[in-house]
Amino acid sequence: MRVTAIDHVQVAFPPELEAAMVDFYEDTLGLKRLAKPGGTDDPRGAWFDAGNVQLHLGAQPHAFVPARKAHVGFVVDELAAIAAALEAAGLPVKAGSDLPGFRRIFSEDPAGNRLEFLQRAP
């Protein structure tokens, strides 16, 4: 027995930020929104196509705390363009140390969840 892939990652948010979260992931980051299938546990939130993995947004109605260490790492084609879009959205952008083969920055979504953005180094 072994794990063969990751199907999705879920990011939590407080219910009052649902519209801001959906707008951020769809408009600011440009992820393609997917229709949530029938039978999901909660009609709130949204699902997005993030390449080989889906990103699911899920409302956490009680005691929400943003993920400050745990995070999603997005591979992007233009790190400078992502940084500019994040700054235009009023979100912080912090330089990260480069990893072998990647340059990277950190930011957060409207709920304060930590996000990492990586661009393959030329």
PDB file of N, CA and C in Angstrom:
ATOM      1  N   MET A   1       0.848  -1.178   0.000  1.00  0.00           N
ATOM      2  CA  MET A   1       0.000   0.000   0.000  1.00  0.00           C
ATOM      3  C   MET A   1       0.887   1.233   0.000  1.00  0.00           C
ATOM      4  N   ARG A   2       0.508   2.226  -0.845  1.00  0.00           N
ATOM      5  CA  ARG A   2       1.231   3.494  -0.866  1.00  0.00           C
ATOM      6  C   ARG A   2       0.338   4.585  -1.419  1.00  0.00           C
ATOM      7  N   VAL A   3       0.629   5.809  -1.072  1.00  0.00           N
ATOM      8  CA  VAL A   3      -0.076   6.951  -1.645  1.00  0.00           C
ATOM      9  C   VAL A   3       0.505   7.189  -3.033  1.00  0.00           C
ATOM     10  N   THR A   4      -0.358   7.392  -4.024  1.00  0.00           N
ATOM     11  CA  THR A   4       0.123   7.559  -5.393  1.00  0.00           C
ATOM     12  C   THR A   4      -0.019   8.978  -5.930  1.00  0.00           C
ATOM     13  N   ALA A   5      -0.778   9.835  -5.254  1.00  0.00           N
ATOM     14  CA  ALA A   5      -0.949  11.209  -5.722  1.00  0.00           C
ATOM     15  C   ALA A   5      -1.685  12.011  -4.658  1.00  0.00           C
ATOM     16  N   ILE A   6      -1.698  13.319  -4.832  1.00  0.00           N
ATOM     17  CA  ILE A   6      -2.535  14.199  -4.024  1.00  0.00           C
ATOM     18  C   ILE A   6      -3.659  14.684  -4.922  1.00  0.00           C
ATOM     19  N   ASP A   7      -4.889  14.488  -4.493  1.00  0.00           N
ATOM     20  CA  ASP A   7      -6.055  14.886  -5.266  1.00  0.00           C
ATOM     21  C   ASP A   7      -6.386  16.357  -5.057  1.00  0.00           C
ATOM     22  N   HIS A   8      -6.371  16.786  -3.785  1.00  0.00           N
ATOM     23  CA  HIS A   8      -6.720  18.171  -3.499  1.00  0.00           C
ATOM     24  C   HIS A   8      -6.119  18.630  -2.183  1.00  0.00           C
ATOM     25  N   VAL A   9      -6.088  19.940  -2.034  1.00  0.00           N
ATOM     26  CA  VAL A   9      -5.686  20.594  -0.796  1.00  0.00           C
ATOM     27  C   VAL A   9      -6.847  21.486  -0.403  1.00  0.00           C
ATOM     28  N   GLN A  10      -7.200  21.496   0.881  1.00  0.00           N
ATOM     29  CA  GLN A  10      -8.287  22.367   1.335  1.00  0.00           C
ATOM     30  C   GLN A  10      -7.709  23.514   2.147  1.00  0.00           C
ATOM     31  N   VAL A  11      -8.209  24.714   1.862  1.00  0.00           N
ATOM     32  CA  VAL A  11      -7.840  25.919   2.588  1.00  0.00           C
ATOM     33  C   VAL A  11      -9.095  26.421   3.292  1.00  0.00           C
ATOM     34  N   ALA A  12      -8.982  26.681   4.593  1.00  0.00           N
ATOM     35  CA  ALA A  12     -10.134  27.112   5.383  1.00  0.00           C
ATOM     36  C   ALA A  12     -10.232  28.635   5.428  1.00  0.00           C
ATOM     37  N   PHE A  13     -11.448  29.105   5.701  1.00  0.00           N
ATOM     38  CA  PHE A  13     -11.691  30.537   5.837  1.00  0.00           C
ATOM     39  C   PHE A  13     -12.900  30.740   6.735  1.00  0.00           C
ATOM     40  N   PRO A  14     -13.000  31.911   7.391  1.00  0.00           N
ATOM     41  CA  PRO A  14     -14.214  32.203   8.150  1.00  0.00           C
ATOM     42  C   PRO A  14     -15.333  32.538   7.184  1.00  0.00           C
ATOM     43  N   PRO A  15     -16.562  32.134   7.455  1.00  0.00           N
ATOM     44  CA  PRO A  15     -17.664  32.309   6.500  1.00  0.00           C
ATOM     45  C   PRO A  15     -17.845  33.725   5.968  1.00  0.00           C
ATOM     46  N   GLU A  16     -17.588  34.733   6.786  1.00  0.00           N
ATOM     47  CA  GLU A  16     -17.801  36.110   6.323  1.00  0.00           C
ATOM     48  C   GLU A  16     -16.805  36.550   5.242  1.00  0.00           C
ATOM     49  N   LEU A  17     -15.757  35.768   5.006  1.00  0.00           N
ATOM     50  CA  LEU A  17     -14.777  36.101   3.964  1.00  0.00           C
ATOM     51  C   LEU A  17     -14.949  35.270   2.696  1.00  0.00           C
ATOM     52  N   GLU A  18     -16.048  34.557   2.574  1.00  0.00           N
ATOM     53  CA  GLU A  18     -16.218  33.665   1.421  1.00  0.00           C
ATOM     54  C   GLU A  18     -16.055  34.392   0.088  1.00  0.00           C
ATOM     55  N   ALA A  19     -16.743  35.503  -0.117  1.00  0.00           N
ATOM     56  CA  ALA A  19     -16.663  36.219  -1.395  1.00  0.00           C
ATOM     57  C   ALA A  19     -15.239  36.700  -1.667  1.00  0.00           C
ATOM     58  N   ALA A  20     -14.569  37.229  -0.649  1.00  0.00           N
ATOM     59  CA  ALA A  20     -13.194  37.714  -0.823  1.00  0.00           C
ATOM     60  C   ALA A  20     -12.255  36.562  -1.166  1.00  0.00           C
ATOM     61  N   MET A  21     -12.461  35.412  -0.545  1.00  0.00           N
ATOM     62  CA  MET A  21     -11.611  34.250  -0.820  1.00  0.00           C
ATOM     63  C   MET A  21     -11.819  33.737  -2.238  1.00  0.00           C
ATOM     64  N   VAL A  22     -13.061  33.603  -2.652  1.00  0.00           N
ATOM     65  CA  VAL A  22     -13.347  33.129  -4.011  1.00  0.00           C
ATOM     66  C   VAL A  22     -12.774  34.111  -5.034  1.00  0.00           C
ATOM     67  N   ASP A  23     -12.995  35.402  -4.829  1.00  0.00           N
ATOM     68  CA  ASP A  23     -12.448  36.409  -5.747  1.00  0.00           C
ATOM     69  C   ASP A  23     -10.926  36.334  -5.815  1.00  0.00           C
ATOM     70  N   PHE A  24     -10.287  36.170  -4.668  1.00  0.00           N
ATOM     71  CA  PHE A  24      -8.823  36.105  -4.629  1.00  0.00           C
ATOM     72  C   PHE A  24      -8.297  34.934  -5.451  1.00  0.00           C
ATOM     73  N   TYR A  25      -8.799  33.741  -5.171  1.00  0.00           N
ATOM     74  CA  TYR A  25      -8.263  32.562  -5.869  1.00  0.00           C
ATOM     75  C   TYR A  25      -8.646  32.548  -7.343  1.00  0.00           C
ATOM     76  N   GLU A  26      -9.825  33.060  -7.669  1.00  0.00           N
ATOM     77  CA  GLU A  26     -10.269  33.062  -9.066  1.00  0.00           C
ATOM     78  C   GLU A  26      -9.690  34.245  -9.843  1.00  0.00           C
ATOM     79  N   ASP A  27      -9.816  35.449  -9.302  1.00  0.00           N
ATOM     80  CA  ASP A  27      -9.434  36.645 -10.053  1.00  0.00           C
ATOM     81  C   ASP A  27      -7.972  37.034  -9.863  1.00  0.00           C
ATOM     82  N   THR A  28      -7.515  37.105  -8.622  1.00  0.00           N
ATOM     83  CA  THR A  28      -6.136  37.528  -8.381  1.00  0.00           C
ATOM     84  C   THR A  28      -5.143  36.470  -8.824  1.00  0.00           C
ATOM     85  N   LEU A  29      -5.388  35.199  -8.452  1.00  0.00           N
ATOM     86  CA  LEU A  29      -4.450  34.138  -8.826  1.00  0.00           C
ATOM     87  C   LEU A  29      -4.770  33.489 -10.165  1.00  0.00           C
ATOM     88  N   GLY A  30      -5.987  33.679 -10.664  1.00  0.00           N
ATOM     89  CA  GLY A  30      -6.328  33.151 -11.980  1.00  0.00           C
ATOM     90  C   GLY A  30      -6.617  31.662 -12.025  1.00  0.00           C
ATOM     91  N   LEU A  31      -6.977  31.062 -10.879  1.00  0.00           N
ATOM     92  CA  LEU A  31      -7.332  29.644 -10.903  1.00  0.00           C
ATOM     93  C   LEU A  31      -8.714  29.474 -11.521  1.00  0.00           C
ATOM     94  N   LYS A  32      -8.888  28.380 -12.253  1.00  0.00           N
ATOM     95  CA  LYS A  32     -10.170  28.098 -12.900  1.00  0.00           C
ATOM     96  C   LYS A  32     -11.114  27.461 -11.878  1.00  0.00           C
ATOM     97  N   ARG A  33     -12.278  28.091 -11.709  1.00  0.00           N
ATOM     98  CA  ARG A  33     -13.270  27.573 -10.763  1.00  0.00           C
ATOM     99  C   ARG A  33     -13.954  26.343 -11.346  1.00  0.00           C
ATOM    100  N   LEU A  34     -14.149  25.346 -10.508  1.00  0.00           N
ATOM    101  CA  LEU A  34     -14.824  24.112 -10.888  1.00  0.00           C
ATOM    102  C   LEU A  34     -16.197  24.059 -10.230  1.00  0.00           C
ATOM    103  N   ALA A  35     -17.122  23.378 -10.857  1.00  0.00           N
ATOM    104  CA  ALA A  35     -18.423  23.148 -10.234  1.00  0.00           C
ATOM    105  C   ALA A  35     -18.239  22.133  -9.112  1.00  0.00           C
ATOM    106  N   LYS A  36     -18.780  22.448  -7.939  1.00  0.00           N
ATOM    107  CA  LYS A  36     -18.745  21.480  -6.844  1.00  0.00           C
ATOM    108  C   LYS A  36     -19.777  20.401  -7.150  1.00  0.00           C
ATOM    109  N   PRO A  37     -19.392  19.145  -7.032  1.00  0.00           N
ATOM    110  CA  PRO A  37     -20.355  18.082  -7.310  1.00  0.00           C
ATOM    111  C   PRO A  37     -21.423  17.995  -6.236  1.00  0.00           C
ATOM    112  N   GLY A  38     -22.572  17.459  -6.611  1.00  0.00           N
ATOM    113  CA  GLY A  38     -23.624  17.218  -5.623  1.00  0.00           C
ATOM    114  C   GLY A  38     -23.118  16.244  -4.577  1.00  0.00           C
ATOM    115  N   GLY A  39     -23.671  16.338  -3.388  1.00  0.00           N
ATOM    116  CA  GLY A  39     -23.276  15.419  -2.338  1.00  0.00           C
ATOM    117  C   GLY A  39     -22.128  15.918  -1.481  1.00  0.00           C
ATOM    118  N   THR A  40     -21.616  17.121  -1.762  1.00  0.00           N
ATOM    119  CA  THR A  40     -20.558  17.635  -0.891  1.00  0.00           C
ATOM    120  C   THR A  40     -21.168  18.000   0.453  1.00  0.00           C
ATOM    121  N   ASP A  41     -20.366  17.979   1.483  1.00  0.00           N
ATOM    122  CA  ASP A  41     -20.847  18.199   2.848  1.00  0.00           C
ATOM    123  C   ASP A  41     -21.355  19.617   3.100  1.00  0.00           C
ATOM    124  N   ASP A  42     -20.840  20.599   2.379  1.00  0.00           N
ATOM    125  CA  ASP A  42     -21.151  21.999   2.670  1.00  0.00           C
ATOM    126  C   ASP A  42     -21.263  22.764   1.355  1.00  0.00           C
ATOM    127  N   PRO A  43     -22.361  23.449   1.141  1.00  0.00           N
ATOM    128  CA  PRO A  43     -22.513  24.190  -0.113  1.00  0.00           C
ATOM    129  C   PRO A  43     -21.623  25.434  -0.190  1.00  0.00           C
ATOM    130  N   ARG A  44     -21.077  25.861   0.949  1.00  0.00           N
ATOM    131  CA  ARG A  44     -20.210  27.032   0.944  1.00  0.00           C
ATOM    132  C   ARG A  44     -18.852  26.675   0.367  1.00  0.00           C
ATOM    133  N   GLY A  45     -18.096  27.703   0.046  1.00  0.00           N
ATOM    134  CA  GLY A  45     -16.753  27.476  -0.471  1.00  0.00           C
ATOM    135  C   GLY A  45     -16.748  27.312  -1.971  1.00  0.00           C
ATOM    136  N   ALA A  46     -15.623  26.871  -2.486  1.00  0.00           N
ATOM    137  CA  ALA A  46     -15.458  26.707  -3.927  1.00  0.00           C
ATOM    138  C   ALA A  46     -14.319  25.732  -4.188  1.00  0.00           C
ATOM    139  N   TRP A  47     -14.341  25.166  -5.371  1.00  0.00           N
ATOM    140  CA  TRP A  47     -13.272  24.274  -5.814  1.00  0.00           C
ATOM    141  C   TRP A  47     -12.611  24.890  -7.037  1.00  0.00           C
ATOM    142  N   PHE A  48     -11.282  24.698  -7.140  1.00  0.00           N
ATOM    143  CA  PHE A  48     -10.512  25.269  -8.242  1.00  0.00           C
ATOM    144  C   PHE A  48      -9.562  24.232  -8.830  1.00  0.00           C
ATOM    145  N   ASP A  49      -9.294  24.390 -10.120  1.00  0.00           N
ATOM    146  CA  ASP A  49      -8.305  23.578 -10.815  1.00  0.00           C
ATOM    147  C   ASP A  49      -6.946  24.241 -10.617  1.00  0.00           C
ATOM    148  N   ALA A  50      -6.017  23.514 -10.030  1.00  0.00           N
ATOM    149  CA  ALA A  50      -4.668  24.034  -9.821  1.00  0.00           C
ATOM    150  C   ALA A  50      -3.656  23.086 -10.469  1.00  0.00           C
ATOM    151  N   GLY A  51      -3.901  22.724 -11.712  1.00  0.00           N
ATOM    152  CA  GLY A  51      -2.995  21.811 -12.412  1.00  0.00           C
ATOM    153  C   GLY A  51      -3.335  20.375 -12.096  1.00  0.00           C
ATOM    154  N   ASN A  52      -2.380  19.638 -11.552  1.00  0.00           N
ATOM    155  CA  ASN A  52      -2.602  18.230 -11.226  1.00  0.00           C
ATOM    156  C   ASN A  52      -3.304  18.029  -9.886  1.00  0.00           C
ATOM    157  N   VAL A  53      -3.557  19.123  -9.179  1.00  0.00           N
ATOM    158  CA  VAL A  53      -4.182  19.076  -7.857  1.00  0.00           C
ATOM    159  C   VAL A  53      -5.308  20.097  -7.827  1.00  0.00           C
ATOM    160  N   GLN A  54      -6.392  19.782  -7.151  1.00  0.00           N
ATOM    161  CA  GLN A  54      -7.454  20.767  -6.957  1.00  0.00           C
ATOM    162  C   GLN A  54      -7.217  21.517  -5.652  1.00  0.00           C
ATOM    163  N   LEU A  55      -7.690  22.756  -5.612  1.00  0.00           N
ATOM    164  CA  LEU A  55      -7.689  23.545  -4.394  1.00  0.00           C
ATOM    165  C   LEU A  55      -9.141  23.722  -3.987  1.00  0.00           C
ATOM    166  N   HIS A  56      -9.471  23.324  -2.766  1.00  0.00           N
ATOM    167  CA  HIS A  56     -10.834  23.467  -2.248  1.00  0.00           C
ATOM    168  C   HIS A  56     -10.829  24.529  -1.157  1.00  0.00           C
ATOM    169  N   LEU A  57     -11.783  25.442  -1.210  1.00  0.00           N
ATOM    170  CA  LEU A  57     -11.985  26.412  -0.148  1.00  0.00           C
ATOM    171  C   LEU A  57     -13.135  25.925   0.711  1.00  0.00           C
ATOM    172  N   GLY A  58     -12.921  25.872   2.019  1.00  0.00           N
ATOM    173  CA  GLY A  58     -13.954  25.380   2.923  1.00  0.00           C
ATOM    174  C   GLY A  58     -14.184  26.333   4.081  1.00  0.00           C
ATOM    175  N   ALA A  59     -15.455  26.654   4.322  1.00  0.00           N
ATOM    176  CA  ALA A  59     -15.810  27.537   5.435  1.00  0.00           C
ATOM    177  C   ALA A  59     -15.592  26.820   6.762  1.00  0.00           C
ATOM    178  N   GLN A  60     -14.960  27.514   7.695  1.00  0.00           N
ATOM    179  CA  GLN A  60     -14.784  27.005   9.055  1.00  0.00           C
ATOM    180  C   GLN A  60     -15.504  27.975   9.987  1.00  0.00           C
ATOM    181  N   PRO A  61     -16.743  27.657  10.343  1.00  0.00           N
ATOM    182  CA  PRO A  61     -17.573  28.629  11.062  1.00  0.00           C
ATOM    183  C   PRO A  61     -17.175  28.904  12.504  1.00  0.00           C
ATOM    184  N   HIS A  62     -16.452  28.011  13.142  1.00  0.00           N
ATOM    185  CA  HIS A  62     -16.117  28.201  14.556  1.00  0.00           C
ATOM    186  C   HIS A  62     -14.617  28.195  14.754  1.00  0.00           C
ATOM    187  N   ALA A  63     -14.143  29.155  15.509  1.00  0.00           N
ATOM    188  CA  ALA A  63     -12.742  29.201  15.948  1.00  0.00           C
ATOM    189  C   ALA A  63     -11.748  29.139  14.796  1.00  0.00           C
ATOM    190  N   PHE A  64     -11.999  29.885  13.730  1.00  0.00           N
ATOM    191  CA  PHE A  64     -11.047  29.917  12.610  1.00  0.00           C
ATOM    192  C   PHE A  64      -9.728  30.541  13.051  1.00  0.00           C
ATOM    193  N   VAL A  65      -8.642  29.886  12.675  1.00  0.00           N
ATOM    194  CA  VAL A  65      -7.293  30.413  12.870  1.00  0.00           C
ATOM    195  C   VAL A  65      -6.561  30.217  11.549  1.00  0.00           C
ATOM    196  N   PRO A  66      -5.990  31.276  10.973  1.00  0.00           N
ATOM    197  CA  PRO A  66      -5.303  31.109   9.696  1.00  0.00           C
ATOM    198  C   PRO A  66      -4.073  30.209   9.828  1.00  0.00           C
ATOM    199  N   ALA A  67      -3.787  29.489   8.774  1.00  0.00           N
ATOM    200  CA  ALA A  67      -2.595  28.634   8.723  1.00  0.00           C
ATOM    201  C   ALA A  67      -1.380  29.529   8.502  1.00  0.00           C
ATOM    202  N   ARG A  68      -0.511  29.623   9.478  1.00  0.00           N
ATOM    203  CA  ARG A  68       0.669  30.487   9.397  1.00  0.00           C
ATOM    204  C   ARG A  68       1.933  29.723   9.030  1.00  0.00           C
ATOM    205  N   LYS A  69       1.979  28.438   9.296  1.00  0.00           N
ATOM    206  CA  LYS A  69       3.125  27.615   8.928  1.00  0.00           C
ATOM    207  C   LYS A  69       2.742  26.680   7.779  1.00  0.00           C
ATOM    208  N   ALA A  70       1.665  25.909   7.973  1.00  0.00           N
ATOM    209  CA  ALA A  70       1.178  25.058   6.887  1.00  0.00           C
ATOM    210  C   ALA A  70       0.780  25.965   5.735  1.00  0.00           C
ATOM    211  N   HIS A  71       1.029  25.542   4.509  1.00  0.00           N
ATOM    212  CA  HIS A  71       0.735  26.410   3.378  1.00  0.00           C
ATOM    213  C   HIS A  71       0.668  25.615   2.082  1.00  0.00           C
ATOM    214  N   VAL A  72       0.116  26.268   1.069  1.00  0.00           N
ATOM    215  CA  VAL A  72       0.113  25.740  -0.291  1.00  0.00           C
ATOM    216  C   VAL A  72       1.271  26.397  -1.015  1.00  0.00           C
ATOM    217  N   GLY A  73       1.998  25.624  -1.800  1.00  0.00           N
ATOM    218  CA  GLY A  73       3.075  26.145  -2.636  1.00  0.00           C
ATOM    219  C   GLY A  73       2.629  26.090  -4.088  1.00  0.00           C
ATOM    220  N   PHE A  74       2.448  27.258  -4.696  1.00  0.00           N
ATOM    221  CA  PHE A  74       2.010  27.348  -6.092  1.00  0.00           C
ATOM    222  C   PHE A  74       3.208  27.561  -7.003  1.00  0.00           C
ATOM    223  N   VAL A  75       3.343  26.753  -8.042  1.00  0.00           N
ATOM    224  CA  VAL A  75       4.357  26.986  -9.068  1.00  0.00           C
ATOM    225  C   VAL A  75       3.747  27.942 -10.078  1.00  0.00           C
ATOM    226  N   VAL A  76       4.445  29.043 -10.364  1.00  0.00           N
ATOM    227  CA  VAL A  76       3.946  30.075 -11.263  1.00  0.00           C
ATOM    228  C   VAL A  76       4.945  30.300 -12.388  1.00  0.00           C
ATOM    229  N   ASP A  77       4.452  30.895 -13.482  1.00  0.00           N
ATOM    230  CA  ASP A  77       5.361  31.152 -14.603  1.00  0.00           C
ATOM    231  C   ASP A  77       6.020  32.526 -14.529  1.00  0.00           C
ATOM    232  N   GLU A  78       5.419  33.478 -13.806  1.00  0.00           N
ATOM    233  CA  GLU A  78       5.997  34.813 -13.682  1.00  0.00           C
ATOM    234  C   GLU A  78       5.872  35.302 -12.241  1.00  0.00           C
ATOM    235  N   LEU A  79       6.906  35.099 -11.463  1.00  0.00           N
ATOM    236  CA  LEU A  79       6.888  35.466 -10.053  1.00  0.00           C
ATOM    237  C   LEU A  79       6.651  36.967  -9.862  1.00  0.00           C
ATOM    238  N   ALA A  80       7.271  37.801 -10.708  1.00  0.00           N
ATOM    239  CA  ALA A  80       7.100  39.253 -10.578  1.00  0.00           C
ATOM    240  C   ALA A  80       5.648  39.658 -10.816  1.00  0.00           C
ATOM    241  N   ALA A  81       4.979  39.023 -11.767  1.00  0.00           N
ATOM    242  CA  ALA A  81       3.575  39.345 -12.047  1.00  0.00           C
ATOM    243  C   ALA A  81       2.679  38.934 -10.879  1.00  0.00           C
ATOM    244  N   ILE A  82       2.954  37.793 -10.271  1.00  0.00           N
ATOM    245  CA  ILE A  82       2.181  37.357  -9.104  1.00  0.00           C
ATOM    246  C   ILE A  82       2.408  38.327  -7.947  1.00  0.00           C
ATOM    247  N   ALA A  83       3.667  38.722  -7.729  1.00  0.00           N
ATOM    248  CA  ALA A  83       3.961  39.673  -6.654  1.00  0.00           C
ATOM    249  C   ALA A  83       3.208  40.982  -6.874  1.00  0.00           C
ATOM    250  N   ALA A  84       3.175  41.463  -8.099  1.00  0.00           N
ATOM    251  CA  ALA A  84       2.463  42.708  -8.404  1.00  0.00           C
ATOM    252  C   ALA A  84       0.964  42.551  -8.170  1.00  0.00           C
ATOM    253  N   ALA A  85       0.392  41.421  -8.562  1.00  0.00           N
ATOM    254  CA  ALA A  85      -1.040  41.183  -8.354  1.00  0.00           C
ATOM    255  C   ALA A  85      -1.368  41.106  -6.864  1.00  0.00           C
ATOM    256  N   LEU A  86      -0.504  40.474  -6.093  1.00  0.00           N
ATOM    257  CA  LEU A  86      -0.719  40.381  -4.647  1.00  0.00           C
ATOM    258  C   LEU A  86      -0.659  41.762  -4.003  1.00  0.00           C
ATOM    259  N   GLU A  87       0.341  42.545  -4.391  1.00  0.00           N
ATOM    260  CA  GLU A  87       0.468  43.894  -3.841  1.00  0.00           C
ATOM    261  C   GLU A  87      -0.713  44.763  -4.247  1.00  0.00           C
ATOM    262  N   ALA A  88      -1.174  44.623  -5.494  1.00  0.00           N
ATOM    263  CA  ALA A  88      -2.336  45.393  -5.953  1.00  0.00           C
ATOM    264  C   ALA A  88      -3.590  45.022  -5.162  1.00  0.00           C
ATOM    265  N   ALA A  89      -3.648  43.791  -4.683  1.00  0.00           N
ATOM    266  CA  ALA A  89      -4.781  43.336  -3.877  1.00  0.00           C
ATOM    267  C   ALA A  89      -4.616  43.729  -2.408  1.00  0.00           C
ATOM    268  N   GLY A  90      -3.534  44.429  -2.088  1.00  0.00           N
ATOM    269  CA  GLY A  90      -3.301  44.874  -0.719  1.00  0.00           C
ATOM    270  C   GLY A  90      -2.750  43.801   0.201  1.00  0.00           C
ATOM    271  N   LEU A  91      -2.153  42.769  -0.369  1.00  0.00           N
ATOM    272  CA  LEU A  91      -1.622  41.660   0.421  1.00  0.00           C
ATOM    273  C   LEU A  91      -0.105  41.761   0.521  1.00  0.00           C
ATOM    274  N   PRO A  92       0.468  41.288   1.612  1.00  0.00           N
ATOM    275  CA  PRO A  92       1.919  41.394   1.780  1.00  0.00           C
ATOM    276  C   PRO A  92       2.659  40.455   0.840  1.00  0.00           C
ATOM    277  N   VAL A  93       3.855  40.861   0.459  1.00  0.00           N
ATOM    278  CA  VAL A  93       4.748  40.011  -0.333  1.00  0.00           C
ATOM    279  C   VAL A  93       6.095  40.020   0.373  1.00  0.00           C
ATOM    280  N   LYS A  94       6.571  38.833   0.708  1.00  0.00           N
ATOM    281  CA  LYS A  94       7.849  38.693   1.403  1.00  0.00           C
ATOM    282  C   LYS A  94       8.756  37.799   0.576  1.00  0.00           C
ATOM    283  N   ALA A  95       9.967  38.256   0.357  1.00  0.00           N
ATOM    284  CA  ALA A  95      10.933  37.448  -0.386  1.00  0.00           C
ATOM    285  C   ALA A  95      11.259  36.198   0.412  1.00  0.00           C
ATOM    286  N   GLY A  96      11.438  35.114  -0.290  1.00  0.00           N
ATOM    287  CA  GLY A  96      11.865  33.869   0.330  1.00  0.00           C
ATOM    288  C   GLY A  96      13.234  33.503  -0.201  1.00  0.00           C
ATOM    289  N   SER A  97      13.992  32.744   0.563  1.00  0.00           N
ATOM    290  CA  SER A  97      15.291  32.306   0.053  1.00  0.00           C
ATOM    291  C   SER A  97      15.055  31.334  -1.099  1.00  0.00           C
ATOM    292  N   ASP A  98      15.929  31.386  -2.075  1.00  0.00           N
ATOM    293  CA  ASP A  98      15.794  30.505  -3.226  1.00  0.00           C
ATOM    294  C   ASP A  98      16.051  29.057  -2.821  1.00  0.00           C
ATOM    295  N   LEU A  99      15.348  28.171  -3.491  1.00  0.00           N
ATOM    296  CA  LEU A  99      15.564  26.739  -3.346  1.00  0.00           C
ATOM    297  C   LEU A  99      16.272  26.256  -4.604  1.00  0.00           C
ATOM    298  N   PRO A 100      16.927  25.103  -4.569  1.00  0.00           N
ATOM    299  CA  PRO A 100      17.563  24.618  -5.794  1.00  0.00           C
ATOM    300  C   PRO A 100      16.545  24.543  -6.939  1.00  0.00           C
ATOM    301  N   GLY A 101      16.805  25.309  -7.988  1.00  0.00           N
ATOM    302  CA  GLY A 101      15.949  25.303  -9.170  1.00  0.00           C
ATOM    303  C   GLY A 101      14.751  26.236  -9.101  1.00  0.00           C
ATOM    304  N   PHE A 102      14.565  26.969  -7.994  1.00  0.00           N
ATOM    305  CA  PHE A 102      13.394  27.830  -7.831  1.00  0.00           C
ATOM    306  C   PHE A 102      13.744  29.151  -7.159  1.00  0.00           C
ATOM    307  N   ARG A 103      13.040  30.194  -7.562  1.00  0.00           N
ATOM    308  CA  ARG A 103      12.974  31.451  -6.820  1.00  0.00           C
ATOM    309  C   ARG A 103      11.612  31.458  -6.160  1.00  0.00           C
ATOM    310  N   ARG A 104      11.465  32.154  -5.002  1.00  0.00           N
ATOM    311  CA  ARG A 104      10.169  32.096  -4.344  1.00  0.00           C
ATOM    312  C   ARG A 104       9.869  33.345  -3.511  1.00  0.00           C
ATOM    313  N   ILE A 105       8.559  33.533  -3.286  1.00  0.00           N
ATOM    314  CA  ILE A 105       8.050  34.576  -2.412  1.00  0.00           C
ATOM    315  C   ILE A 105       6.949  33.977  -1.549  1.00  0.00           C
ATOM    316  N   PHE A 106       6.598  34.695  -0.480  1.00  0.00           N
ATOM    317  CA  PHE A 106       5.507  34.291   0.389  1.00  0.00           C
ATOM    318  C   PHE A 106       4.487  35.421   0.477  1.00  0.00           C
ATOM    319  N   SER A 107       3.248  35.063   0.678  1.00  0.00           N
ATOM    320  CA  SER A 107       2.183  36.031   0.885  1.00  0.00           C
ATOM    321  C   SER A 107       1.102  35.349   1.713  1.00  0.00           C
ATOM    322  N   GLU A 108      -0.103  35.894   1.640  1.00  0.00           N
ATOM    323  CA  GLU A 108      -1.235  35.283   2.325  1.00  0.00           C
ATOM    324  C   GLU A 108      -2.503  35.584   1.557  1.00  0.00           C
ATOM    325  N   ASP A 109      -3.531  34.788   1.811  1.00  0.00           N
ATOM    326  CA  ASP A 109      -4.828  35.040   1.181  1.00  0.00           C
ATOM    327  C   ASP A 109      -5.636  35.989   2.076  1.00  0.00           C
ATOM    328  N   PRO A 110      -6.839  36.393   1.669  1.00  0.00           N
ATOM    329  CA  PRO A 110      -7.618  37.340   2.481  1.00  0.00           C
ATOM    330  C   PRO A 110      -7.938  36.869   3.898  1.00  0.00           C
ATOM    331  N   ALA A 111      -7.881  35.564   4.157  1.00  0.00           N
ATOM    332  CA  ALA A 111      -8.137  35.044   5.498  1.00  0.00           C
ATOM    333  C   ALA A 111      -6.856  34.958   6.329  1.00  0.00           C
ATOM    334  N   GLY A 112      -5.730  35.299   5.736  1.00  0.00           N
ATOM    335  CA  GLY A 112      -4.465  35.255   6.459  1.00  0.00           C
ATOM    336  C   GLY A 112      -3.716  33.943   6.361  1.00  0.00           C
ATOM    337  N   ASN A 113      -4.160  33.015   5.510  1.00  0.00           N
ATOM    338  CA  ASN A 113      -3.459  31.747   5.324  1.00  0.00           C
ATOM    339  C   ASN A 113      -2.174  31.982   4.536  1.00  0.00           C
ATOM    340  N   ARG A 114      -1.091  31.411   4.996  1.00  0.00           N
ATOM    341  CA  ARG A 114       0.212  31.555   4.340  1.00  0.00           C
ATOM    342  C   ARG A 114       0.196  30.882   2.971  1.00  0.00           C
ATOM    343  N   LEU A 115       0.815  31.541   1.993  1.00  0.00           N
ATOM    344  CA  LEU A 115       0.940  30.993   0.645  1.00  0.00           C
ATOM    345  C   LEU A 115       2.381  31.172   0.167  1.00  0.00           C
ATOM    346  N   GLU A 116       2.858  30.208  -0.589  1.00  0.00           N
ATOM    347  CA  GLU A 116       4.186  30.268  -1.188  1.00  0.00           C
ATOM    348  C   GLU A 116       4.030  30.222  -2.701  1.00  0.00           C
ATOM    349  N   PHE A 117       4.834  31.009  -3.400  1.00  0.00           N
ATOM    350  CA  PHE A 117       4.814  31.044  -4.864  1.00  0.00           C
ATOM    351  C   PHE A 117       6.233  30.796  -5.344  1.00  0.00           C
ATOM    352  N   LEU A 118       6.374  29.808  -6.228  1.00  0.00           N
ATOM    353  CA  LEU A 118       7.681  29.404  -6.729  1.00  0.00           C
ATOM    354  C   LEU A 118       7.739  29.519  -8.244  1.00  0.00           C
ATOM    355  N   GLN A 119       8.857  30.029  -8.745  1.00  0.00           N
ATOM    356  CA  GLN A 119       9.097  30.065 -10.201  1.00  0.00           C
ATOM    357  C   GLN A 119      10.377  29.297 -10.477  1.00  0.00           C
ATOM    358  N   ARG A 120      10.312  28.433 -11.456  1.00  0.00           N
ATOM    359  CA  ARG A 120      11.506  27.675 -11.842  1.00  0.00           C
ATOM    360  C   ARG A 120      12.586  28.654 -12.290  1.00  0.00           C
ATOM    361  N   ALA A 121      13.798  28.439 -11.807  1.00  0.00           N
ATOM    362  CA  ALA A 121      14.920  29.305 -12.168  1.00  0.00           C
ATOM    363  C   ALA A 121      15.378  28.953 -13.584  1.00  0.00           C
ATOM    364  N   PRO A 122      15.762  29.975 -14.343  1.00  0.00           N
ATOM    365  CA  PRO A 122      16.222  29.705 -15.723  1.00  0.00           C
ATOM    366  C   PRO A 122      17.523  28.925 -15.755  1.00  0.00           C
TER     367      PRO A 122
END
